Protein backbone atom coordinates (compact mmCIF):
# COMPACT_ATOMS: atom_id res chain seq x y z
CA MET A 1 0.30 -0.14 -0.39
CA THR A 2 1.62 3.09 -0.86
CA SER A 3 0.52 6.46 0.16
CA THR A 4 1.13 9.97 -0.87
CA LEU A 5 1.46 13.29 0.94
CA PRO A 6 -1.25 15.43 0.84
CA THR A 7 -1.52 18.27 -0.97
CA PRO A 8 -1.43 21.73 0.84
CA SER A 9 -4.84 22.83 -0.41
CA GLN A 10 -6.27 19.05 1.48
CA VAL A 11 -4.96 20.10 4.38
CA HIS A 12 -5.86 23.36 4.11
CA ARG A 13 -9.46 21.85 3.43
CA ALA A 14 -9.79 19.05 6.04
CA PHE A 15 -8.33 21.78 9.11
CA ARG A 16 -11.05 24.06 8.13
CA GLU A 17 -13.90 21.62 7.64
CA GLU A 18 -12.49 18.28 10.40
CA LEU A 19 -11.56 21.21 13.18
CA HIS A 20 -14.40 23.59 15.33
CA PRO A 21 -12.49 26.65 15.12
CA ARG A 22 -10.94 26.51 18.79
CA ARG A 23 -9.49 23.17 18.20
CA ARG A 24 -8.14 24.69 15.58
CA ASN A 25 -6.81 27.50 17.64
CA ALA A 26 -5.85 25.17 19.85
CA VAL A 27 -3.70 23.03 17.05
CA ILE A 28 -2.34 26.37 15.69
CA ALA A 29 -0.96 27.23 19.49
CA TRP A 30 0.40 23.49 19.75
CA LEU A 31 2.32 24.26 16.58
CA SER A 32 3.93 27.28 17.66
CA PHE A 33 4.82 26.22 21.01
CA ALA A 34 6.45 22.53 18.87
CA ALA A 35 8.40 25.55 16.24
CA THR A 36 9.26 28.16 18.89
CA PHE A 37 10.95 25.57 21.26
CA GLY A 38 12.62 24.13 18.61
CA THR A 39 13.87 27.06 16.95
CA VAL A 40 14.81 28.70 20.26
CA ARG A 41 16.76 25.47 21.22
CA VAL A 42 18.74 25.99 17.93
CA ILE A 43 19.59 29.70 17.99
CA THR A 44 20.66 29.14 21.62
CA THR A 45 22.47 26.23 20.65
CA SER A 46 24.51 28.66 18.17
CA ILE A 47 24.79 31.58 20.10
CA ARG A 48 26.46 29.31 23.01
CA ASN A 49 28.64 27.72 20.00
CA GLY A 50 29.58 31.07 18.93
CA ASN A 51 27.92 30.51 16.07
CA GLY A 52 25.49 31.98 13.27
CA PRO A 53 24.23 35.72 13.23
CA PHE A 54 22.92 35.49 16.58
CA ARG A 55 23.85 36.68 19.94
CA ASN A 56 22.39 37.33 23.15
CA ILE A 57 20.92 40.75 24.11
CA THR A 58 22.23 42.69 26.60
CA PRO A 59 21.97 45.86 27.09
CA ARG A 60 23.79 47.80 29.72
CA GLY A 61 25.85 44.37 30.56
CA MET A 62 22.29 43.00 31.82
CA HIS A 63 21.28 39.84 29.86
CA LEU A 64 17.57 39.74 28.92
CA HIS A 65 16.75 35.93 28.98
CA HIS A 66 14.51 35.08 27.37
CA TYR A 67 11.22 34.02 29.18
CA LEU A 68 11.03 37.74 29.30
CA TRP A 69 9.24 37.91 25.43
CA GLY A 70 7.59 35.00 26.73
CA ILE A 71 5.71 36.41 29.51
CA LEU A 72 4.91 39.67 27.25
CA LEU A 73 3.80 37.74 24.93
CA THR A 74 1.39 35.48 27.23
CA THR A 75 0.39 39.15 29.02
CA CYS A 76 -0.14 40.21 25.37
CA VAL A 77 -2.59 37.42 25.49
CA GLY A 78 -4.25 38.05 28.48
CA GLY A 79 -4.84 41.18 27.80
CA VAL A 80 -6.60 40.08 24.46
CA ALA A 81 -8.85 37.52 26.68
CA VAL A 82 -9.96 39.79 28.86
CA ARG A 83 -10.54 42.94 26.68
CA GLY A 84 -10.58 41.24 23.69
CA ALA A 85 -13.55 41.52 20.94
CA ASP A 86 -14.72 37.92 20.07
CA VAL A 87 -13.77 37.74 17.16
CA THR A 88 -10.13 39.34 18.50
CA ARG A 89 -9.41 36.22 21.14
CA ARG A 90 -10.24 33.41 18.11
CA HIS A 91 -7.81 34.84 15.68
CA PRO A 92 -4.91 32.65 14.93
CA VAL A 93 -2.44 35.29 16.14
CA VAL A 94 -3.94 35.26 19.15
CA ALA A 95 -3.28 31.55 19.38
CA VAL A 96 0.09 31.62 17.73
CA ALA A 97 1.70 34.34 20.34
CA TYR A 98 0.51 31.81 23.03
CA GLY A 99 1.82 28.80 21.62
CA SER A 100 5.21 31.08 21.79
CA GLY A 101 5.07 32.93 24.39
CA MET A 102 4.49 29.49 26.66
CA ALA A 103 7.59 27.79 24.76
CA LEU A 104 10.19 30.99 25.64
CA ILE A 105 8.71 30.32 29.23
CA VAL A 106 8.95 26.65 29.60
CA ASP A 107 12.75 26.59 27.94
CA GLU A 108 13.86 28.25 30.83
CA PHE A 109 11.64 27.04 33.40
CA ALA A 110 14.47 25.88 34.88
CA LEU A 111 16.05 29.71 35.62
CA LEU A 112 12.59 30.65 36.51
CA LEU A 113 11.97 28.01 39.13
CA ASP A 114 15.97 27.86 40.72
CA LEU A 115 16.17 31.66 40.38
CA ALA A 116 20.04 30.31 39.05
CA ASP A 117 21.28 30.05 35.32
CA VAL A 118 21.47 26.25 35.09
CA TYR A 119 20.28 26.69 31.21
CA TRP A 120 23.16 24.82 30.08
CA GLU A 121 23.81 22.16 33.04
CA LYS A 122 24.09 18.81 31.27
CA GLN A 123 22.06 17.00 34.26
CA GLY A 124 18.99 16.12 32.81
CA ARG A 125 18.97 18.79 29.92
CA TRP A 126 18.75 16.67 27.00
CA SER A 127 15.84 14.60 29.28
CA VAL A 128 14.09 17.91 29.32
CA ASP A 129 14.66 18.92 25.06
CA LEU A 130 13.23 15.53 24.68
CA GLY A 131 10.42 15.57 26.83
CA VAL A 132 9.36 18.99 26.31
CA GLY A 133 9.10 18.03 22.15
CA LEU A 134 7.44 14.95 22.27
CA ILE A 135 4.88 16.58 25.13
CA ALA A 136 4.31 19.25 22.11
CA ALA A 137 4.22 16.86 19.49
CA ALA A 138 1.57 14.86 21.06
CA GLY A 139 -0.53 17.88 21.78
CA THR A 140 -0.39 18.72 18.44
CA LEU A 141 -1.46 15.38 16.98
CA LEU A 142 -4.15 14.88 19.98
CA GLU A 143 -5.82 17.90 18.80
CA GLY A 144 -5.02 17.57 15.03
CA ALA A 145 -6.23 14.09 15.07
CA PRO A 146 -9.67 14.80 12.88
CA VAL A 147 -7.22 16.39 10.57
CA LEU A 148 -5.28 13.72 9.98
CA ARG A 149 -7.91 11.03 10.22
CA ARG A 150 -9.77 13.11 6.72
CA LEU A 151 -6.41 12.90 5.20
CA ARG A 152 -6.08 9.33 5.39
CA ARG A 153 -9.35 8.46 4.43
CA GLU A 154 -8.90 10.66 1.42
CA GLY A 155 -5.39 8.54 0.90
CA ALA A 156 -3.31 11.06 1.26
CA GLY A 157 -1.57 10.20 4.42
């Protein structure tokens, strides 16, 4: 049995037709979480190794950790949730901001928990990365399961 990859239009149609708007936003938030977490891991590794164009942000010698940007994003999402119109709260950009903001916070959770910069300690770092990555993938798959079932039924997955 051979399977072919679904076309972007098949994925888009299945996404729209199989998922309620709130569930679509949950999938978008999970995807944003996973993509942001993975991207941040790559960027922070390149900064640590001195590779690539990225550098730490250190105004006046004070290092700004990326959880700060996550807190700002989730604070903005909270403001939209409390004061925004229904159409604004349900906008996919809000889901992207939420998922990305949470990934930025979770990635530096040990720093927030211990108030010590243990970001690069070897003990358990790989397991945290793997665990968060698996959680992000599982959440995305669970929320997006109706889309995957539809694509499989259509023979495109």
